[in-house]
Amino acid sequence: MKTQTLYRPVGEKEMLLIIENGYRVFPPRLEWQPIFYPVLNEHYAAEIAEKWNTWDQAGNYLVFVTRFKVWEKSVCCTKH
């Protein structure tokens, strides 16, 4: 199976929870986070981090870009 690399910006609070989980899983969404928002491009993730997370008091104004892999799902479509 192939994998796809995804990137996601996180603040300090969420990064500490990721570290506590041994870098194996993302923690449950924080109360003020409605969605899990990974992106396909590290540069774009860094841009998001800079624009959003550096203004986040709850994240102590710190930003991190996480990188993780997920299994690609093969989708095959046929016409009938």
PDB file of N, CA and C in Angstrom:
ATOM      1  N   MET A   1       0.835  -1.195   0.000  1.00  0.00           N
ATOM      2  CA  MET A   1       0.000   0.000   0.000  1.00  0.00           C
ATOM      3  C   MET A   1       0.873   1.248   0.000  1.00  0.00           C
ATOM      4  N   LYS A   2       0.411   2.245  -0.712  1.00  0.00           N
ATOM      5  CA  LYS A   2       1.119   3.514  -0.763  1.00  0.00           C
ATOM      6  C   LYS A   2       0.644   4.415   0.377  1.00  0.00           C
ATOM      7  N   THR A   3       1.522   5.332   0.755  1.00  0.00           N
ATOM      8  CA  THR A   3       1.149   6.313   1.763  1.00  0.00           C
ATOM      9  C   THR A   3       1.164   7.709   1.173  1.00  0.00           C
ATOM     10  N   GLN A   4       0.448   8.602   1.805  1.00  0.00           N
ATOM     11  CA  GLN A   4       0.415  10.013   1.433  1.00  0.00           C
ATOM     12  C   GLN A   4       0.882  10.817   2.635  1.00  0.00           C
ATOM     13  N   THR A   5       1.813  11.727   2.431  1.00  0.00           N
ATOM     14  CA  THR A   5       2.281  12.586   3.512  1.00  0.00           C
ATOM     15  C   THR A   5       1.372  13.798   3.613  1.00  0.00           C
ATOM     16  N   LEU A   6       0.934  14.094   4.826  1.00  0.00           N
ATOM     17  CA  LEU A   6       0.102  15.259   5.115  1.00  0.00           C
ATOM     18  C   LEU A   6       0.813  16.127   6.141  1.00  0.00           C
ATOM     19  N   TYR A   7       0.430  17.385   6.192  1.00  0.00           N
ATOM     20  CA  TYR A   7       1.033  18.355   7.108  1.00  0.00           C
ATOM     21  C   TYR A   7      -0.085  19.073   7.847  1.00  0.00           C
ATOM     22  N   ARG A   8       0.212  19.447   9.089  1.00  0.00           N
ATOM     23  CA  ARG A   8      -0.802  20.144   9.871  1.00  0.00           C
ATOM     24  C   ARG A   8      -0.143  21.068  10.878  1.00  0.00           C
ATOM     25  N   PRO A   9      -0.508  22.355  10.855  1.00  0.00           N
ATOM     26  CA  PRO A   9       0.024  23.272  11.856  1.00  0.00           C
ATOM     27  C   PRO A   9      -0.693  23.071  13.193  1.00  0.00           C
ATOM     28  N   VAL A  10       0.054  23.167  14.270  1.00  0.00           N
ATOM     29  CA  VAL A  10      -0.517  23.057  15.613  1.00  0.00           C
ATOM     30  C   VAL A  10       0.139  24.093  16.522  1.00  0.00           C
ATOM     31  N   GLY A  11      -0.574  24.459  17.568  1.00  0.00           N
ATOM     32  CA  GLY A  11      -0.035  25.355  18.580  1.00  0.00           C
ATOM     33  C   GLY A  11       0.654  24.566  19.681  1.00  0.00           C
ATOM     34  N   GLU A  12       1.151  25.279  20.673  1.00  0.00           N
ATOM     35  CA  GLU A  12       1.919  24.641  21.744  1.00  0.00           C
ATOM     36  C   GLU A  12       1.098  23.623  22.534  1.00  0.00           C
ATOM     37  N   LYS A  13      -0.131  23.970  22.897  1.00  0.00           N
ATOM     38  CA  LYS A  13      -0.958  23.057  23.711  1.00  0.00           C
ATOM     39  C   LYS A  13      -1.168  21.723  23.002  1.00  0.00           C
ATOM     40  N   GLU A  14      -1.512  21.802  21.726  1.00  0.00           N
ATOM     41  CA  GLU A  14      -1.740  20.571  20.976  1.00  0.00           C
ATOM     42  C   GLU A  14      -0.439  19.803  20.753  1.00  0.00           C
ATOM     43  N   MET A  15       0.663  20.515  20.513  1.00  0.00           N
ATOM     44  CA  MET A  15       1.958  19.843  20.318  1.00  0.00           C
ATOM     45  C   MET A  15       2.368  19.086  21.573  1.00  0.00           C
ATOM     46  N   LEU A  16       2.139  19.672  22.732  1.00  0.00           N
ATOM     47  CA  LEU A  16       2.465  18.974  23.985  1.00  0.00           C
ATOM     48  C   LEU A  16       1.656  17.698  24.138  1.00  0.00           C
ATOM     49  N   LEU A  17       0.393  17.726  23.715  1.00  0.00           N
ATOM     50  CA  LEU A  17      -0.439  16.515  23.770  1.00  0.00           C
ATOM     51  C   LEU A  17       0.064  15.461  22.787  1.00  0.00           C
ATOM     52  N   ILE A  18       0.533  15.889  21.626  1.00  0.00           N
ATOM     53  CA  ILE A  18       1.096  14.955  20.650  1.00  0.00           C
ATOM     54  C   ILE A  18       2.349  14.306  21.224  1.00  0.00           C
ATOM     55  N   ILE A  19       3.199  15.098  21.861  1.00  0.00           N
ATOM     56  CA  ILE A  19       4.419  14.565  22.481  1.00  0.00           C
ATOM     57  C   ILE A  19       4.058  13.569  23.578  1.00  0.00           C
ATOM     58  N   GLU A  20       3.064  13.908  24.412  1.00  0.00           N
ATOM     59  CA  GLU A  20       2.630  12.991  25.485  1.00  0.00           C
ATOM     60  C   GLU A  20       2.162  11.656  24.930  1.00  0.00           C
ATOM     61  N   ASN A  21       1.619  11.658  23.705  1.00  0.00           N
ATOM     62  CA  ASN A  21       1.154  10.425  23.062  1.00  0.00           C
ATOM     63  C   ASN A  21       2.258   9.734  22.275  1.00  0.00           C
ATOM     64  N   GLY A  22       3.512  10.137  22.515  1.00  0.00           N
ATOM     65  CA  GLY A  22       4.642   9.494  21.853  1.00  0.00           C
ATOM     66  C   GLY A  22       4.674   9.729  20.353  1.00  0.00           C
ATOM     67  N   TYR A  23       4.111  10.850  19.900  1.00  0.00           N
ATOM     68  CA  TYR A  23       4.079  11.193  18.476  1.00  0.00           C
ATOM     69  C   TYR A  23       3.325  10.150  17.651  1.00  0.00           C
ATOM     70  N   ARG A  24       2.429   9.397  18.259  1.00  0.00           N
ATOM     71  CA  ARG A  24       1.741   8.305  17.564  1.00  0.00           C
ATOM     72  C   ARG A  24       0.344   8.678  17.093  1.00  0.00           C
ATOM     73  N   VAL A  25      -0.318   9.576  17.810  1.00  0.00           N
ATOM     74  CA  VAL A  25      -1.697   9.954  17.459  1.00  0.00           C
ATOM     75  C   VAL A  25      -1.910  11.437  17.739  1.00  0.00           C
ATOM     76  N   PHE A  26      -2.868  11.992  17.024  1.00  0.00           N
ATOM     77  CA  PHE A  26      -3.293  13.341  17.351  1.00  0.00           C
ATOM     78  C   PHE A  26      -4.292  13.248  18.495  1.00  0.00           C
ATOM     79  N   PRO A  27      -4.259  14.191  19.410  1.00  0.00           N
ATOM     80  CA  PRO A  27      -5.214  14.168  20.516  1.00  0.00           C
ATOM     81  C   PRO A  27      -6.615  14.525  20.014  1.00  0.00           C
ATOM     82  N   PRO A  28      -7.635  14.274  20.826  1.00  0.00           N
ATOM     83  CA  PRO A  28      -8.983  14.717  20.439  1.00  0.00           C
ATOM     84  C   PRO A  28      -8.973  16.223  20.190  1.00  0.00           C
ATOM     85  N   ARG A  29      -9.865  16.678  19.359  1.00  0.00           N
ATOM     86  CA  ARG A  29      -9.964  18.095  19.055  1.00  0.00           C
ATOM     87  C   ARG A  29     -10.092  18.898  20.340  1.00  0.00           C
ATOM     88  N   LEU A  30      -9.424  20.039  20.381  1.00  0.00           N
ATOM     89  CA  LEU A  30      -9.583  20.939  21.510  1.00  0.00           C
ATOM     90  C   LEU A  30     -10.974  21.569  21.412  1.00  0.00           C
ATOM     91  N   GLU A  31     -11.509  22.025  22.534  1.00  0.00           N
ATOM     92  CA  GLU A  31     -12.900  22.494  22.581  1.00  0.00           C
ATOM     93  C   GLU A  31     -13.218  23.590  21.555  1.00  0.00           C
ATOM     94  N   TRP A  32     -12.276  24.362  21.163  1.00  0.00           N
ATOM     95  CA  TRP A  32     -12.515  25.473  20.227  1.00  0.00           C
ATOM     96  C   TRP A  32     -12.127  25.129  18.787  1.00  0.00           C
ATOM     97  N   GLN A  33     -11.759  23.875  18.524  1.00  0.00           N
ATOM     98  CA  GLN A  33     -11.355  23.455  17.181  1.00  0.00           C
ATOM     99  C   GLN A  33     -12.452  22.606  16.539  1.00  0.00           C
ATOM    100  N   PRO A  34     -13.161  23.147  15.575  1.00  0.00           N
ATOM    101  CA  PRO A  34     -14.278  22.401  14.993  1.00  0.00           C
ATOM    102  C   PRO A  34     -13.863  21.297  14.027  1.00  0.00           C
ATOM    103  N   ILE A  35     -12.680  21.430  13.385  1.00  0.00           N
ATOM    104  CA  ILE A  35     -12.297  20.439  12.373  1.00  0.00           C
ATOM    105  C   ILE A  35     -10.825  20.076  12.492  1.00  0.00           C
ATOM    106  N   PHE A  36     -10.490  18.932  11.947  1.00  0.00           N
ATOM    107  CA  PHE A  36      -9.097  18.499  11.802  1.00  0.00           C
ATOM    108  C   PHE A  36      -8.698  18.898  10.395  1.00  0.00           C
ATOM    109  N   TYR A  37      -7.664  19.729  10.245  1.00  0.00           N
ATOM    110  CA  TYR A  37      -7.372  20.357   8.959  1.00  0.00           C
ATOM    111  C   TYR A  37      -5.946  20.075   8.485  1.00  0.00           C
ATOM    112  N   PRO A  38      -5.687  18.880   7.939  1.00  0.00           N
ATOM    113  CA  PRO A  38      -4.364  18.629   7.352  1.00  0.00           C
ATOM    114  C   PRO A  38      -4.326  19.146   5.916  1.00  0.00           C
ATOM    115  N   VAL A  39      -3.126  19.418   5.420  1.00  0.00           N
ATOM    116  CA  VAL A  39      -2.954  19.867   4.032  1.00  0.00           C
ATOM    117  C   VAL A  39      -1.881  19.022   3.353  1.00  0.00           C
ATOM    118  N   LEU A  40      -1.809  19.110   2.034  1.00  0.00           N
ATOM    119  CA  LEU A  40      -0.881  18.283   1.260  1.00  0.00           C
ATOM    120  C   LEU A  40       0.496  18.890   1.081  1.00  0.00           C
ATOM    121  N   ASN A  41       0.671  20.157   1.451  1.00  0.00           N
ATOM    122  CA  ASN A  41       1.885  20.877   1.139  1.00  0.00           C
ATOM    123  C   ASN A  41       2.485  21.481   2.404  1.00  0.00           C
ATOM    124  N   GLU A  42       3.765  21.191   2.664  1.00  0.00           N
ATOM    125  CA  GLU A  42       4.416  21.696   3.873  1.00  0.00           C
ATOM    126  C   GLU A  42       4.506  23.227   3.872  1.00  0.00           C
ATOM    127  N   HIS A  43       4.780  23.795   2.712  1.00  0.00           N
ATOM    128  CA  HIS A  43       4.866  25.255   2.617  1.00  0.00           C
ATOM    129  C   HIS A  43       3.528  25.904   2.994  1.00  0.00           C
ATOM    130  N   TYR A  44       2.435  25.332   2.497  1.00  0.00           N
ATOM    131  CA  TYR A  44       1.104  25.857   2.815  1.00  0.00           C
ATOM    132  C   TYR A  44       0.805  25.693   4.308  1.00  0.00           C
ATOM    133  N   ALA A  45       1.191  24.575   4.890  1.00  0.00           N
ATOM    134  CA  ALA A  45       0.991  24.359   6.328  1.00  0.00           C
ATOM    135  C   ALA A  45       1.755  25.406   7.133  1.00  0.00           C
ATOM    136  N   ALA A  46       2.975  25.728   6.700  1.00  0.00           N
ATOM    137  CA  ALA A  46       3.759  26.754   7.389  1.00  0.00           C
ATOM    138  C   ALA A  46       3.107  28.131   7.246  1.00  0.00           C
ATOM    139  N   GLU A  47       2.544  28.394   6.080  1.00  0.00           N
ATOM    140  CA  GLU A  47       1.846  29.663   5.855  1.00  0.00           C
ATOM    141  C   GLU A  47       0.620  29.780   6.771  1.00  0.00           C
ATOM    142  N   ILE A  48      -0.131  28.695   6.879  1.00  0.00           N
ATOM    143  CA  ILE A  48      -1.292  28.674   7.778  1.00  0.00           C
ATOM    144  C   ILE A  48      -0.836  28.901   9.213  1.00  0.00           C
ATOM    145  N   ALA A  49       0.216  28.207   9.604  1.00  0.00           N
ATOM    146  CA  ALA A  49       0.736  28.338  10.970  1.00  0.00           C
ATOM    147  C   ALA A  49       1.109  29.778  11.270  1.00  0.00           C
ATOM    148  N   GLU A  50       1.786  30.397  10.332  1.00  0.00           N
ATOM    149  CA  GLU A  50       2.226  31.781  10.536  1.00  0.00           C
ATOM    150  C   GLU A  50       1.040  32.735  10.632  1.00  0.00           C
ATOM    151  N   LYS A  51       0.043  32.536   9.791  1.00  0.00           N
ATOM    152  CA  LYS A  51      -1.105  33.449   9.764  1.00  0.00           C
ATOM    153  C   LYS A  51      -2.082  33.212  10.907  1.00  0.00           C
ATOM    154  N   TRP A  52      -2.280  31.957  11.305  1.00  0.00           N
ATOM    155  CA  TRP A  52      -3.294  31.650  12.310  1.00  0.00           C
ATOM    156  C   TRP A  52      -2.688  31.460  13.693  1.00  0.00           C
ATOM    157  N   ASN A  53      -1.743  30.537  13.809  1.00  0.00           N
ATOM    158  CA  ASN A  53      -1.271  30.121  15.122  1.00  0.00           C
ATOM    159  C   ASN A  53      -0.428  31.160  15.840  1.00  0.00           C
ATOM    160  N   THR A  54       0.274  32.014  15.116  1.00  0.00           N
ATOM    161  CA  THR A  54       1.100  33.008  15.807  1.00  0.00           C
ATOM    162  C   THR A  54       0.254  34.062  16.506  1.00  0.00           C
ATOM    163  N   TRP A  55      -1.024  34.096  16.199  1.00  0.00           N
ATOM    164  CA  TRP A  55      -1.946  35.028  16.866  1.00  0.00           C
ATOM    165  C   TRP A  55      -2.756  34.338  17.960  1.00  0.00           C
ATOM    166  N   ASP A  56      -2.458  33.089  18.233  1.00  0.00           N
ATOM    167  CA  ASP A  56      -3.263  32.278  19.155  1.00  0.00           C
ATOM    168  C   ASP A  56      -2.675  32.291  20.560  1.00  0.00           C
ATOM    169  N   GLN A  57      -3.321  33.022  21.449  1.00  0.00           N
ATOM    170  CA  GLN A  57      -2.859  33.096  22.835  1.00  0.00           C
ATOM    171  C   GLN A  57      -2.909  31.722  23.497  1.00  0.00           C
ATOM    172  N   ALA A  58      -3.946  30.924  23.183  1.00  0.00           N
ATOM    173  CA  ALA A  58      -4.076  29.588  23.780  1.00  0.00           C
ATOM    174  C   ALA A  58      -2.902  28.692  23.396  1.00  0.00           C
ATOM    175  N   GLY A  59      -2.284  28.934  22.236  1.00  0.00           N
ATOM    176  CA  GLY A  59      -1.131  28.161  21.794  1.00  0.00           C
ATOM    177  C   GLY A  59       0.179  28.810  22.185  1.00  0.00           C
ATOM    178  N   ASN A  60       0.108  29.792  23.081  1.00  0.00           N
ATOM    179  CA  ASN A  60       1.287  30.504  23.577  1.00  0.00           C
ATOM    180  C   ASN A  60       2.069  31.180  22.437  1.00  0.00           C
ATOM    181  N   TYR A  61       1.350  31.490  21.345  1.00  0.00           N
ATOM    182  CA  TYR A  61       1.932  32.159  20.177  1.00  0.00           C
ATOM    183  C   TYR A  61       3.046  31.354  19.515  1.00  0.00           C
ATOM    184  N   LEU A  62       3.105  30.067  19.819  1.00  0.00           N
ATOM    185  CA  LEU A  62       4.102  29.178  19.210  1.00  0.00           C
ATOM    186  C   LEU A  62       3.437  28.335  18.137  1.00  0.00           C
ATOM    187  N   VAL A  63       4.187  28.013  17.095  1.00  0.00           N
ATOM    188  CA  VAL A  63       3.642  27.183  16.026  1.00  0.00           C
ATOM    189  C   VAL A  63       4.585  26.043  15.684  1.00  0.00           C
ATOM    190  N   PHE A  64       3.999  24.956  15.291  1.00  0.00           N
ATOM    191  CA  PHE A  64       4.730  23.780  14.844  1.00  0.00           C
ATOM    192  C   PHE A  64       4.001  23.249  13.616  1.00  0.00           C
ATOM    193  N   VAL A  65       4.730  22.700  12.678  1.00  0.00           N
ATOM    194  CA  VAL A  65       4.102  22.030  11.543  1.00  0.00           C
ATOM    195  C   VAL A  65       4.400  20.550  11.702  1.00  0.00           C
ATOM    196  N   THR A  66       3.356  19.774  11.858  1.00  0.00           N
ATOM    197  CA  THR A  66       3.520  18.327  11.991  1.00  0.00           C
ATOM    198  C   THR A  66       3.472  17.685  10.606  1.00  0.00           C
ATOM    199  N   ARG A  67       4.143  16.561  10.493  1.00  0.00           N
ATOM    200  CA  ARG A  67       4.149  15.792   9.248  1.00  0.00           C
ATOM    201  C   ARG A  67       3.785  14.366   9.615  1.00  0.00           C
ATOM    202  N   PHE A  68       2.863  13.784   8.870  1.00  0.00           N
ATOM    203  CA  PHE A  68       2.463  12.407   9.159  1.00  0.00           C
ATOM    204  C   PHE A  68       2.011  11.740   7.874  1.00  0.00           C
ATOM    205  N   LYS A  69       1.972  10.431   7.909  1.00  0.00           N
ATOM    206  CA  LYS A  69       1.586   9.665   6.727  1.00  0.00           C
ATOM    207  C   LYS A  69       0.299   8.902   6.994  1.00  0.00           C
ATOM    208  N   VAL A  70      -0.505   8.805   5.961  1.00  0.00           N
ATOM    209  CA  VAL A  70      -1.733   8.018   6.012  1.00  0.00           C
ATOM    210  C   VAL A  70      -1.722   7.060   4.829  1.00  0.00           C
ATOM    211  N   TRP A  71      -2.433   5.963   4.963  1.00  0.00           N
ATOM    212  CA  TRP A  71      -2.533   5.024   3.856  1.00  0.00           C
ATOM    213  C   TRP A  71      -3.412   5.625   2.773  1.00  0.00           C
ATOM    214  N   GLU A  72      -2.973   5.500   1.525  1.00  0.00           N
ATOM    215  CA  GLU A  72      -3.799   5.935   0.409  1.00  0.00           C
ATOM    216  C   GLU A  72      -4.881   4.894   0.161  1.00  0.00           C
ATOM    217  N   LYS A  73      -6.037   5.377  -0.160  1.00  0.00           N
ATOM    218  CA  LYS A  73      -7.144   4.478  -0.477  1.00  0.00           C
ATOM    219  C   LYS A  73      -7.269   4.407  -1.993  1.00  0.00           C
ATOM    220  N   SER A  74      -7.260   3.215  -2.513  1.00  0.00           N
ATOM    221  CA  SER A  74      -7.432   3.039  -3.950  1.00  0.00           C
ATOM    222  C   SER A  74      -8.900   3.095  -4.275  1.00  0.00           C
ATOM    223  N   VAL A  75      -9.209   3.912  -5.247  1.00  0.00           N
ATOM    224  CA  VAL A  75     -10.601   4.030  -5.697  1.00  0.00           C
ATOM    225  C   VAL A  75     -10.637   3.670  -7.178  1.00  0.00           C
ATOM    226  N   CYS A  76     -11.478   2.755  -7.484  1.00  0.00           N
ATOM    227  CA  CYS A  76     -11.593   2.338  -8.875  1.00  0.00           C
ATOM    228  C   CYS A  76     -13.035   2.527  -9.316  1.00  0.00           C
ATOM    229  N   CYS A  77     -13.205   3.189 -10.395  1.00  0.00           N
ATOM    230  CA  CYS A  77     -14.556   3.444 -10.902  1.00  0.00           C
ATOM    231  C   CYS A  77     -14.676   2.796 -12.283  1.00  0.00           C
ATOM    232  N   THR A  78     -15.805   2.211 -12.537  1.00  0.00           N
ATOM    233  CA  THR A  78     -16.071   1.654 -13.847  1.00  0.00           C
ATOM    234  C   THR A  78     -17.392   2.193 -14.340  1.00  0.00           C
ATOM    235  N   LYS A  79     -17.495   2.343 -15.641  1.00  0.00           N
ATOM    236  CA  LYS A  79     -18.771   2.776 -16.243  1.00  0.00           C
ATOM    237  C   LYS A  79     -19.609   1.557 -16.533  1.00  0.00           C
ATOM    238  N   HIS A  80     -20.871   1.685 -16.296  1.00  0.00           N
ATOM    239  CA  HIS A  80     -21.822   0.598 -16.606  1.00  0.00           C
ATOM    240  C   HIS A  80     -22.765   1.044 -17.672  1.00  0.00           C
TER     241      HIS A  80
END
